[in-house]
């Protein structure tokens, strides 16, 4: 990100707007426009960093102070330029994030069922006494309802619960 200092802050703001244009509409700013300032490798790295940064800041609901504190290493003027673009286009960036997420899978959870079992032994161990959870997920995908059955132990269940709690936080932040 330090290579942002190669351009005036006004140009930095224009560059950030062009990166947002790429995120939202797919029209990338051309490296030819900035070939006097950055090499191709620097340009691609900077563009990827700016895209990731803007999407992260738009998605996590950071306050202005948090954004400026996170950008303190690039200078106050550049941080303010990024912040002004973020403030002006946050909703566009959020819609782009939602669209990207939706494109990953069109499946949606319709219902679930669970069953707790206690495995007393196995063919290799005579005394096991391990709790197992059978989770049945009923997923609607392209109009068809299908069932996905999962069996997991305690550690896997804790991992699943942690992942679902993290996903819920993200959803609540996007509302």
C-alpha atoms as a PDB file:
ATOM      1  CA  UNK A   1       0.000   0.000   0.000  1.00  0.00           C
ATOM      2  CA  UNK A   2       2.939   2.311   0.489  1.00  0.00           C
ATOM      3  CA  UNK A   3       3.206   2.729  -3.278  1.00  0.00           C
ATOM      4  CA  UNK A   4       0.075   4.913  -3.107  1.00  0.00           C
ATOM      5  CA  UNK A   5       2.430   7.711  -2.106  1.00  0.00           C
ATOM      6  CA  UNK A   6       3.669   7.833  -5.702  1.00  0.00           C
ATOM      7  CA  UNK A   7       0.599   9.861  -6.714  1.00  0.00           C
ATOM      8  CA  UNK A   8      -1.038  13.008  -5.324  1.00  0.00           C
ATOM      9  CA  UNK A   9      -3.957  12.415  -2.935  1.00  0.00           C
ATOM     10  CA  UNK A  10      -6.486  13.661  -5.512  1.00  0.00           C
ATOM     11  CA  UNK A  11      -5.226  11.052  -7.973  1.00  0.00           C
ATOM     12  CA  UNK A  12      -5.396   8.445  -5.194  1.00  0.00           C
ATOM     13  CA  UNK A  13      -9.074   9.237  -4.723  1.00  0.00           C
ATOM     14  CA  UNK A  14      -9.719   8.937  -8.478  1.00  0.00           C
ATOM     15  CA  UNK A  15      -7.831   5.612  -8.506  1.00  0.00           C
ATOM     16  CA  UNK A  16      -9.942   4.285  -5.608  1.00  0.00           C
ATOM     17  CA  UNK A  17     -13.127   5.243  -7.466  1.00  0.00           C
ATOM     18  CA  UNK A  18     -11.888   3.372 -10.530  1.00  0.00           C
ATOM     19  CA  UNK A  19     -11.106   0.300  -8.399  1.00  0.00           C
ATOM     20  CA  UNK A  20     -14.656   0.454  -6.982  1.00  0.00           C
ATOM     21  CA  UNK A  21     -15.948   0.702 -10.564  1.00  0.00           C
ATOM     22  CA  UNK A  22     -14.104  -2.532 -11.327  1.00  0.00           C
ATOM     23  CA  UNK A  23     -15.502  -4.261  -8.238  1.00  0.00           C
ATOM     24  CA  UNK A  24     -19.058  -3.212  -9.022  1.00  0.00           C
ATOM     25  CA  UNK A  25     -19.196  -3.349 -12.815  1.00  0.00           C
ATOM     26  CA  UNK A  26     -16.159  -5.344 -13.899  1.00  0.00           C
ATOM     27  CA  UNK A  27     -14.515  -2.476 -15.811  1.00  0.00           C
ATOM     28  CA  UNK A  28     -10.919  -2.424 -14.564  1.00  0.00           C
ATOM     29  CA  UNK A  29      -8.732   0.646 -14.599  1.00  0.00           C
ATOM     30  CA  UNK A  30      -6.056  -0.045 -17.167  1.00  0.00           C
ATOM     31  CA  UNK A  31      -2.422  -0.402 -16.181  1.00  0.00           C
ATOM     32  CA  UNK A  32      -1.569   1.794 -19.180  1.00  0.00           C
ATOM     33  CA  UNK A  33      -3.183   4.738 -17.370  1.00  0.00           C
ATOM     34  CA  UNK A  34      -0.689   4.328 -14.537  1.00  0.00           C
ATOM     35  CA  UNK A  35       2.344   2.864 -16.354  1.00  0.00           C
ATOM     36  CA  UNK A  36       4.361   6.033 -15.713  1.00  0.00           C
ATOM     37  CA  UNK A  37       3.843   5.597 -11.966  1.00  0.00           C
ATOM     38  CA  UNK A  38       4.018   1.836 -11.319  1.00  0.00           C
ATOM     39  CA  UNK A  39       5.455  -1.229 -12.991  1.00  0.00           C
ATOM     40  CA  UNK A  40       2.901  -3.849 -14.086  1.00  0.00           C
ATOM     41  CA  UNK A  41       3.637  -6.031 -11.043  1.00  0.00           C
ATOM     42  CA  UNK A  42       3.329  -3.064  -8.670  1.00  0.00           C
ATOM     43  CA  UNK A  43       0.118  -1.983 -10.392  1.00  0.00           C
ATOM     44  CA  UNK A  44      -1.527  -5.416 -10.114  1.00  0.00           C
ATOM     45  CA  UNK A  45      -0.450  -5.730  -6.482  1.00  0.00           C
ATOM     46  CA  UNK A  46      -1.744  -2.249  -5.630  1.00  0.00           C
ATOM     47  CA  UNK A  47      -5.060  -2.833  -7.418  1.00  0.00           C
ATOM     48  CA  UNK A  48      -5.567  -6.166  -5.613  1.00  0.00           C
ATOM     49  CA  UNK A  49      -4.699  -4.584  -2.256  1.00  0.00           C
ATOM     50  CA  UNK A  50      -7.077  -1.675  -2.818  1.00  0.00           C
ATOM     51  CA  UNK A  51      -9.880  -4.023  -3.906  1.00  0.00           C
ATOM     52  CA  UNK A  52      -9.420  -6.243  -0.861  1.00  0.00           C
ATOM     53  CA  UNK A  53      -9.160  -3.270   1.471  1.00  0.00           C
ATOM     54  CA  UNK A  54     -12.264  -1.516   0.150  1.00  0.00           C
ATOM     55  CA  UNK A  55     -14.339  -4.722   0.242  1.00  0.00           C
ATOM     56  CA  UNK A  56     -13.177  -5.536   3.773  1.00  0.00           C
ATOM     57  CA  UNK A  57     -13.902  -2.031   5.049  1.00  0.00           C
ATOM     58  CA  UNK A  58     -17.316  -1.953   3.369  1.00  0.00           C
ATOM     59  CA  UNK A  59     -18.241  -5.375   4.720  1.00  0.00           C
ATOM     60  CA  UNK A  60     -17.083  -5.122   8.313  1.00  0.00           C
ATOM     61  CA  UNK A  61     -18.755  -1.802   9.141  1.00  0.00           C
ATOM     62  CA  UNK A  62     -15.570  -0.118  10.382  1.00  0.00           C
ATOM     63  CA  UNK A  63     -15.975   3.363  11.819  1.00  0.00           C
ATOM     64  CA  UNK A  64     -14.192   6.324  10.219  1.00  0.00           C
ATOM     65  CA  UNK A  65     -11.662   6.375  13.070  1.00  0.00           C
ATOM     66  CA  UNK A  66     -10.894   2.670  12.601  1.00  0.00           C
ATOM     67  CA  UNK A  67     -10.416   3.152   8.860  1.00  0.00           C
ATOM     68  CA  UNK A  68      -8.058   6.095   9.363  1.00  0.00           C
ATOM     69  CA  UNK A  69      -6.135   4.244  12.083  1.00  0.00           C
ATOM     70  CA  UNK A  70      -5.724   1.235   9.782  1.00  0.00           C
ATOM     71  CA  UNK A  71      -4.441   3.474   6.984  1.00  0.00           C
ATOM     72  CA  UNK A  72      -2.120   5.549   9.159  1.00  0.00           C
ATOM     73  CA  UNK A  73       1.005   4.055   7.558  1.00  0.00           C
ATOM     74  CA  UNK A  74       0.137   5.518   4.120  1.00  0.00           C
ATOM     75  CA  UNK A  75      -0.350   9.069   5.400  1.00  0.00           C
ATOM     76  CA  UNK A  76      -3.347  11.095   6.543  1.00  0.00           C
ATOM     77  CA  UNK A  77      -4.143  12.521   3.105  1.00  0.00           C
ATOM     78  CA  UNK A  78      -4.234   9.084   1.490  1.00  0.00           C
ATOM     79  CA  UNK A  79      -6.259   7.606   4.332  1.00  0.00           C
ATOM     80  CA  UNK A  80      -8.751  10.446   3.989  1.00  0.00           C
ATOM     81  CA  UNK A  81      -8.930   9.852   0.217  1.00  0.00           C
ATOM     82  CA  UNK A  82      -9.707   6.145   0.708  1.00  0.00           C
ATOM     83  CA  UNK A  83     -12.212   7.014   3.448  1.00  0.00           C
ATOM     84  CA  UNK A  84     -14.032   9.533   1.255  1.00  0.00           C
ATOM     85  CA  UNK A  85     -14.402   6.933  -1.513  1.00  0.00           C
ATOM     86  CA  UNK A  86     -15.589   4.379   1.025  1.00  0.00           C
ATOM     87  CA  UNK A  87     -18.177   6.785   2.444  1.00  0.00           C
ATOM     88  CA  UNK A  88     -19.451   7.716  -1.004  1.00  0.00           C
ATOM     89  CA  UNK A  89     -19.690   4.174  -2.350  1.00  0.00           C
ATOM     90  CA  UNK A  90     -20.125   1.885   0.659  1.00  0.00           C
ATOM     91  CA  UNK A  91     -23.590   0.696  -0.427  1.00  0.00           C
ATOM     92  CA  UNK A  92     -22.352  -0.152  -3.927  1.00  0.00           C
ATOM     93  CA  UNK A  93     -19.510  -2.153  -2.401  1.00  0.00           C
ATOM     94  CA  UNK A  94     -21.898  -3.983  -0.059  1.00  0.00           C
ATOM     95  CA  UNK A  95     -24.160  -4.893  -2.979  1.00  0.00           C
ATOM     96  CA  UNK A  96     -21.122  -6.197  -4.881  1.00  0.00           C
ATOM     97  CA  UNK A  97     -20.144  -8.283  -1.842  1.00  0.00           C
ATOM     98  CA  UNK A  98     -23.649  -9.712  -1.583  1.00  0.00           C
ATOM     99  CA  UNK A  99     -23.701 -10.498  -5.284  1.00  0.00           C
ATOM    100  CA  UNK A 100     -20.340 -12.289  -5.068  1.00  0.00           C
ATOM    101  CA  UNK A 101     -21.599 -14.288  -2.110  1.00  0.00           C
ATOM    102  CA  UNK A 102     -24.803 -15.183  -3.917  1.00  0.00           C
ATOM    103  CA  UNK A 103     -22.865 -16.343  -6.964  1.00  0.00           C
ATOM    104  CA  UNK A 104     -20.928 -18.846  -4.849  1.00  0.00           C
ATOM    105  CA  UNK A 105     -24.038 -20.927  -4.301  1.00  0.00           C
ATOM    106  CA  UNK A 106     -27.694 -20.507  -5.046  1.00  0.00           C
ATOM    107  CA  UNK A 107     -28.587 -23.177  -2.490  1.00  0.00           C
ATOM    108  CA  UNK A 108     -30.500 -22.199   0.627  1.00  0.00           C
ATOM    109  CA  UNK A 109     -31.164 -24.099   3.816  1.00  0.00           C
ATOM    110  CA  UNK A 110     -34.865 -24.916   4.178  1.00  0.00           C
ATOM    111  CA  UNK A 111     -34.866 -27.070   7.295  1.00  0.00           C
ATOM    112  CA  UNK A 112     -32.659 -29.265   9.447  1.00  0.00           C
ATOM    113  CA  UNK A 113     -32.974 -32.182  11.828  1.00  0.00           C
ATOM    114  CA  UNK A 114     -30.491 -33.548  14.327  1.00  0.00           C
ATOM    115  CA  UNK A 115     -30.006 -36.664  16.353  1.00  0.00           C
ATOM    116  CA  UNK A 116     -27.477 -37.322  19.122  1.00  0.00           C
ATOM    117  CA  UNK A 117     -26.012 -40.816  19.439  1.00  0.00           C
ATOM    118  CA  UNK A 118     -23.542 -42.409  21.795  1.00  0.00           C
ATOM    119  CA  UNK A 119     -21.132 -44.841  20.120  1.00  0.00           C
ATOM    120  CA  UNK A 120     -20.393 -47.447  22.757  1.00  0.00           C
ATOM    121  CA  UNK A 121     -17.831 -49.471  20.808  1.00  0.00           C
ATOM    122  CA  UNK A 122     -16.397 -50.088  17.369  1.00  0.00           C
ATOM    123  CA  UNK A 123     -14.833 -53.018  15.543  1.00  0.00           C
ATOM    124  CA  UNK A 124     -11.373 -51.837  16.723  1.00  0.00           C
ATOM    125  CA  UNK A 125     -12.100 -50.501  20.213  1.00  0.00           C
ATOM    126  CA  UNK A 126     -14.270 -52.389  22.688  1.00  0.00           C
ATOM    127  CA  UNK A 127     -15.146 -49.361  24.846  1.00  0.00           C
ATOM    128  CA  UNK A 128     -15.539 -46.119  22.903  1.00  0.00           C
ATOM    129  CA  UNK A 129     -18.307 -44.029  24.520  1.00  0.00           C
ATOM    130  CA  UNK A 130     -18.097 -41.188  22.008  1.00  0.00           C
ATOM    131  CA  UNK A 131     -21.033 -38.834  21.381  1.00  0.00           C
ATOM    132  CA  UNK A 132     -21.892 -38.396  17.695  1.00  0.00           C
ATOM    133  CA  UNK A 133     -24.254 -35.909  16.130  1.00  0.00           C
ATOM    134  CA  UNK A 134     -26.206 -36.800  13.001  1.00  0.00           C
ATOM    135  CA  UNK A 135     -27.219 -33.599  11.249  1.00  0.00           C
ATOM    136  CA  UNK A 136     -29.613 -33.678   8.315  1.00  0.00           C
ATOM    137  CA  UNK A 137     -29.752 -30.500   6.253  1.00  0.00           C
ATOM    138  CA  UNK A 138     -32.595 -29.982   3.795  1.00  0.00           C
ATOM    139  CA  UNK A 139     -31.297 -27.707   1.058  1.00  0.00           C
ATOM    140  CA  UNK A 140     -33.282 -26.154  -1.801  1.00  0.00           C
ATOM    141  CA  UNK A 141     -31.230 -25.751  -4.950  1.00  0.00           C
ATOM    142  CA  UNK A 142     -32.756 -24.720  -8.280  1.00  0.00           C
ATOM    143  CA  UNK A 143     -36.237 -25.594  -7.045  1.00  0.00           C
ATOM    144  CA  UNK A 144     -35.353 -29.123  -5.874  1.00  0.00           C
ATOM    145  CA  UNK A 145     -35.144 -30.101  -2.217  1.00  0.00           C
ATOM    146  CA  UNK A 146     -32.287 -32.431  -1.323  1.00  0.00           C
ATOM    147  CA  UNK A 147     -31.054 -33.876   1.929  1.00  0.00           C
ATOM    148  CA  UNK A 148     -27.450 -33.717   3.109  1.00  0.00           C
ATOM    149  CA  UNK A 149     -26.534 -35.993   6.018  1.00  0.00           C
ATOM    150  CA  UNK A 150     -23.495 -35.251   8.175  1.00  0.00           C
ATOM    151  CA  UNK A 151     -22.112 -37.182  11.137  1.00  0.00           C
ATOM    152  CA  UNK A 152     -19.677 -35.375  13.409  1.00  0.00           C
ATOM    153  CA  UNK A 153     -17.928 -35.673  16.716  1.00  0.00           C
ATOM    154  CA  UNK A 154     -17.626 -33.089  19.472  1.00  0.00           C
ATOM    155  CA  UNK A 155     -14.652 -31.215  17.959  1.00  0.00           C
ATOM    156  CA  UNK A 156     -16.259 -31.023  14.519  1.00  0.00           C
ATOM    157  CA  UNK A 157     -19.500 -29.784  16.065  1.00  0.00           C
ATOM    158  CA  UNK A 158     -17.627 -27.052  17.982  1.00  0.00           C
ATOM    159  CA  UNK A 159     -15.931 -25.983  14.737  1.00  0.00           C
ATOM    160  CA  UNK A 160     -19.286 -25.880  12.934  1.00  0.00           C
ATOM    161  CA  UNK A 161     -20.884 -23.810  15.700  1.00  0.00           C
ATOM    162  CA  UNK A 162     -17.960 -21.347  15.679  1.00  0.00           C
ATOM    163  CA  UNK A 163     -18.212 -20.998  11.893  1.00  0.00           C
ATOM    164  CA  UNK A 164     -21.966 -20.416  12.031  1.00  0.00           C
ATOM    165  CA  UNK A 165     -21.577 -17.812  14.781  1.00  0.00           C
ATOM    166  CA  UNK A 166     -18.944 -15.980  12.717  1.00  0.00           C
ATOM    167  CA  UNK A 167     -21.195 -16.093   9.633  1.00  0.00           C
ATOM    168  CA  UNK A 168     -24.091 -14.749  11.705  1.00  0.00           C
ATOM    169  CA  UNK A 169     -21.947 -11.798  12.865  1.00  0.00           C
ATOM    170  CA  UNK A 170     -21.128 -10.943   9.258  1.00  0.00           C
ATOM    171  CA  UNK A 171     -24.788 -11.136   8.236  1.00  0.00           C
ATOM    172  CA  UNK A 172     -25.812  -8.901  11.119  1.00  0.00           C
ATOM    173  CA  UNK A 173     -23.142  -6.345  10.155  1.00  0.00           C
ATOM    174  CA  UNK A 174     -24.388  -6.250   6.574  1.00  0.00           C
ATOM    175  CA  UNK A 175     -27.945  -5.424   7.651  1.00  0.00           C
END
